[in-house]
Amino acid sequence: MTNPLLPMLAIPAVPFEGEDYLFEVKWDGIRALAASEGDGRWRLWGRAGADYTQRYPELAVLSRLPPGAVVDGELVVLRDGRADFPALLRRHQRHGPASLGLAACAARPAISYVLFDVLFVQGQSLLQERLLQRRESLQQLLARVNEPLLIYSDGVVGSGRAFFARVVAQGHEGVMAKHLASC
């Protein structure tokens, strides 16, 4: 099955202020969308539509989202609260548990899926809803699932420069800015 939606690309910009913007950590990972299809089925795919489902079997917890949910996020390996991109790339280049072997499975780095948007809930599109409404829906979904591998990407409104300085000082890659009224 082809994936009708693909993750959006970020556009570089200098840090700025804006009370009509949400600022989030820019996670140094791999963008991916995921869908819960019901009956324990789920899918995970990337920017070019490549299927990542078999690479990350631990994310089968996504099947616990309501059928017809589609979420947007970043696959990361977290070390001390920061993304470890080289560790993620090593893991990403392996294609599922069969290629890892039993010893490697136990030693592989844990994958987290940091979520920042929900695009569909129970098959109903939220694409025309405002960003803050979609994020509220995402928080509700994640609260119901209550799974530590699925992490909500928190953010701040306004104070973009101060937030940027703080997250970079903590060792993160940078900040993403999203207009609050965006659909």
Protein backbone atom coordinates (compact mmCIF):
# COMPACT_ATOMS: atom_id res chain seq x y z
CA MET A 1 0.00 0.00 0.00
CA THR A 2 1.31 3.46 -0.83
CA ASN A 3 1.41 6.16 1.78
CA PRO A 4 -0.71 9.15 0.75
CA LEU A 5 0.96 11.44 3.30
CA LEU A 6 4.63 12.21 3.65
CA PRO A 7 6.39 14.14 6.43
CA MET A 8 6.94 17.83 5.75
CA LEU A 9 10.46 19.19 5.44
CA ALA A 10 11.83 21.89 7.73
CA ILE A 11 13.02 25.23 6.33
CA PRO A 12 16.11 26.75 8.01
CA ALA A 13 15.73 30.16 9.67
CA VAL A 14 17.46 32.23 12.31
CA PRO A 15 15.92 32.18 15.82
CA PHE A 16 13.14 34.74 16.26
CA GLU A 17 10.40 35.86 18.64
CA GLY A 18 6.72 35.42 17.93
CA GLU A 19 3.72 35.13 20.22
CA ASP A 20 1.87 33.44 17.39
CA TYR A 21 4.47 30.62 17.14
CA LEU A 22 5.05 27.39 18.98
CA PHE A 23 8.73 26.54 19.47
CA GLU A 24 9.77 22.91 19.97
CA VAL A 25 13.05 21.05 20.26
CA LYS A 26 14.39 20.00 16.86
CA TRP A 27 15.04 16.34 17.50
CA ASP A 28 18.04 14.95 15.68
CA GLY A 29 16.34 11.84 14.34
CA ILE A 30 14.43 10.43 11.40
CA ARG A 31 11.04 11.88 10.51
CA ALA A 32 8.28 9.32 10.22
CA LEU A 33 4.52 9.06 10.07
CA ALA A 34 2.68 6.15 11.66
CA ALA A 35 -0.81 4.73 11.31
CA SER A 36 -2.81 2.39 13.51
CA GLU A 37 -4.94 0.24 11.22
CA GLY A 38 -6.88 -1.88 13.71
CA ASP A 39 -6.65 -5.58 14.58
CA GLY A 40 -3.11 -5.05 15.89
CA ARG A 41 -1.85 -3.75 12.54
CA TRP A 42 0.26 -0.60 12.26
CA ARG A 43 2.62 1.04 9.77
CA LEU A 44 5.56 3.41 10.03
CA TRP A 45 7.00 5.24 7.01
CA GLY A 46 9.47 8.01 6.17
CA ARG A 47 9.91 11.01 3.90
CA ALA A 48 10.27 9.08 0.65
CA GLY A 49 7.45 6.70 1.61
CA ALA A 50 9.89 3.96 2.66
CA ASP A 51 8.28 1.46 5.04
CA TYR A 52 10.06 1.39 8.43
CA THR A 53 7.61 -0.92 10.20
CA GLN A 54 9.86 -4.00 10.29
CA ARG A 55 12.89 -1.98 11.41
CA TYR A 56 11.25 -0.93 14.67
CA PRO A 57 9.22 -3.85 16.06
CA GLU A 58 9.14 -2.27 19.54
CA LEU A 59 6.90 0.45 18.10
CA ALA A 60 4.11 -2.10 17.70
CA VAL A 61 2.68 -0.15 20.65
CA LEU A 62 1.40 2.20 17.94
CA SER A 63 -1.29 -0.41 17.25
CA ARG A 64 -2.79 0.61 20.61
CA LEU A 65 -3.76 3.98 19.14
CA PRO A 66 -7.37 4.05 17.89
CA PRO A 67 -7.77 2.48 14.42
CA GLY A 68 -7.50 5.17 11.77
CA ALA A 69 -5.09 7.35 13.78
CA VAL A 70 -2.15 8.85 11.86
CA VAL A 71 0.59 10.58 13.86
CA ASP A 72 3.67 12.57 12.90
CA GLY A 73 6.96 12.48 14.74
CA GLU A 74 10.66 11.77 14.92
CA LEU A 75 12.39 8.45 15.57
CA VAL A 76 15.22 8.98 18.05
CA VAL A 77 17.66 7.18 20.29
CA LEU A 78 17.73 9.18 23.53
CA ARG A 79 20.83 9.46 25.70
CA ASP A 80 20.46 11.67 28.78
CA GLY A 81 17.42 13.34 27.23
CA ARG A 82 19.19 14.21 23.97
CA ALA A 83 19.02 12.53 20.59
CA ASP A 84 21.99 10.36 19.60
CA PHE A 85 21.84 10.50 15.81
CA PRO A 86 24.84 8.20 15.09
CA ALA A 87 23.27 5.48 17.29
CA LEU A 88 19.96 5.95 15.47
CA LEU A 89 21.62 5.63 12.07
CA ARG A 90 23.38 2.42 13.08
CA ARG A 91 20.04 1.01 14.19
CA HIS A 92 18.13 2.35 11.18
CA GLN A 93 20.47 0.66 8.73
CA ARG A 94 19.44 -2.73 10.11
CA HIS A 95 16.19 -4.03 8.69
CA GLY A 96 14.20 -5.69 11.45
CA PRO A 97 14.89 -8.23 14.18
CA ALA A 98 15.81 -11.09 11.84
CA SER A 99 18.83 -9.20 10.50
CA LEU A 100 20.03 -8.31 13.99
CA GLY A 101 20.47 -11.77 15.52
CA LEU A 102 19.59 -12.60 19.13
CA ALA A 103 22.67 -11.05 20.75
CA ALA A 104 22.35 -7.87 18.71
CA CYS A 105 18.63 -7.58 19.57
CA ALA A 106 19.46 -7.39 23.26
CA ALA A 107 22.20 -4.81 22.62
CA ARG A 108 20.37 -2.60 20.11
CA PRO A 109 19.65 0.96 21.22
CA ALA A 110 16.12 1.69 22.37
CA ILE A 111 14.04 3.67 19.91
CA SER A 112 11.66 6.38 21.04
CA TYR A 113 9.07 8.02 18.83
CA VAL A 114 8.76 11.70 19.71
CA LEU A 115 5.35 12.85 18.49
CA PHE A 116 4.39 16.39 17.63
CA ASP A 117 1.20 16.13 15.59
CA VAL A 118 -1.84 13.96 14.88
CA LEU A 119 -3.27 14.12 11.36
CA PHE A 120 -6.17 11.67 11.57
CA VAL A 121 -8.20 10.26 14.47
CA GLN A 122 -10.44 7.25 13.84
CA GLY A 123 -10.08 7.87 10.12
CA GLN A 124 -11.27 11.49 10.35
CA SER A 125 -8.90 14.10 8.98
CA LEU A 126 -7.71 16.80 11.35
CA LEU A 127 -5.70 18.52 8.62
CA GLN A 128 -8.03 21.53 8.57
CA GLU A 129 -7.85 21.95 12.35
CA ARG A 130 -5.46 24.46 13.92
CA LEU A 131 -2.12 23.21 15.20
CA LEU A 132 -3.01 23.66 18.88
CA GLN A 133 -6.24 21.70 18.47
CA ARG A 134 -4.38 18.82 16.82
CA ARG A 135 -1.77 18.83 19.57
CA GLU A 136 -4.50 18.69 22.22
CA SER A 137 -5.93 15.66 20.41
CA LEU A 138 -2.45 14.12 20.33
CA GLN A 139 -2.00 14.61 24.07
CA GLN A 140 -5.34 12.89 24.70
CA LEU A 141 -4.36 9.94 22.49
CA LEU A 142 -1.00 9.54 24.22
CA ALA A 143 -2.60 9.75 27.67
CA ARG A 144 -4.91 6.86 26.76
CA VAL A 145 -2.05 4.72 25.43
CA ASN A 146 0.33 5.67 28.29
CA GLU A 147 3.41 4.20 26.59
CA PRO A 148 6.94 5.44 27.46
CA LEU A 149 8.23 4.78 23.92
CA LEU A 150 5.76 7.36 22.59
CA ILE A 151 6.85 10.80 23.80
CA TYR A 152 4.94 14.06 23.40
CA SER A 153 7.14 16.87 22.05
CA ASP A 154 6.41 19.76 24.35
CA GLY A 155 7.09 23.35 23.36
CA VAL A 156 6.70 26.99 24.31
CA VAL A 157 4.73 29.81 22.76
CA GLY A 158 6.74 32.95 22.08
CA SER A 159 10.27 33.41 23.48
CA GLY A 160 11.85 31.70 20.47
CA ARG A 161 15.36 33.10 20.99
CA ALA A 162 15.50 32.23 24.70
CA PHE A 163 14.11 28.75 24.02
CA PHE A 164 16.67 28.24 21.24
CA ALA A 165 19.54 29.29 23.53
CA ARG A 166 18.32 26.96 26.28
CA VAL A 167 17.88 23.86 24.12
CA VAL A 168 21.18 24.33 22.31
CA ALA A 169 22.93 24.74 25.68
CA GLN A 170 21.35 21.42 26.69
CA GLY A 171 22.95 19.78 23.64
CA HIS A 172 19.98 19.63 21.26
CA GLU A 173 20.27 20.34 17.55
CA GLY A 174 18.03 23.41 17.52
CA VAL A 175 14.41 24.53 17.49
CA MET A 176 11.40 24.16 15.21
CA ALA A 177 8.95 27.07 14.86
CA LYS A 178 5.32 26.38 13.95
CA HIS A 179 2.67 29.02 13.40
CA LEU A 180 -0.18 28.49 15.87
CA ALA A 181 -2.86 29.15 13.28
CA SER A 182 -1.39 26.70 10.77
CA CYS A 183 -3.48 23.85 9.49
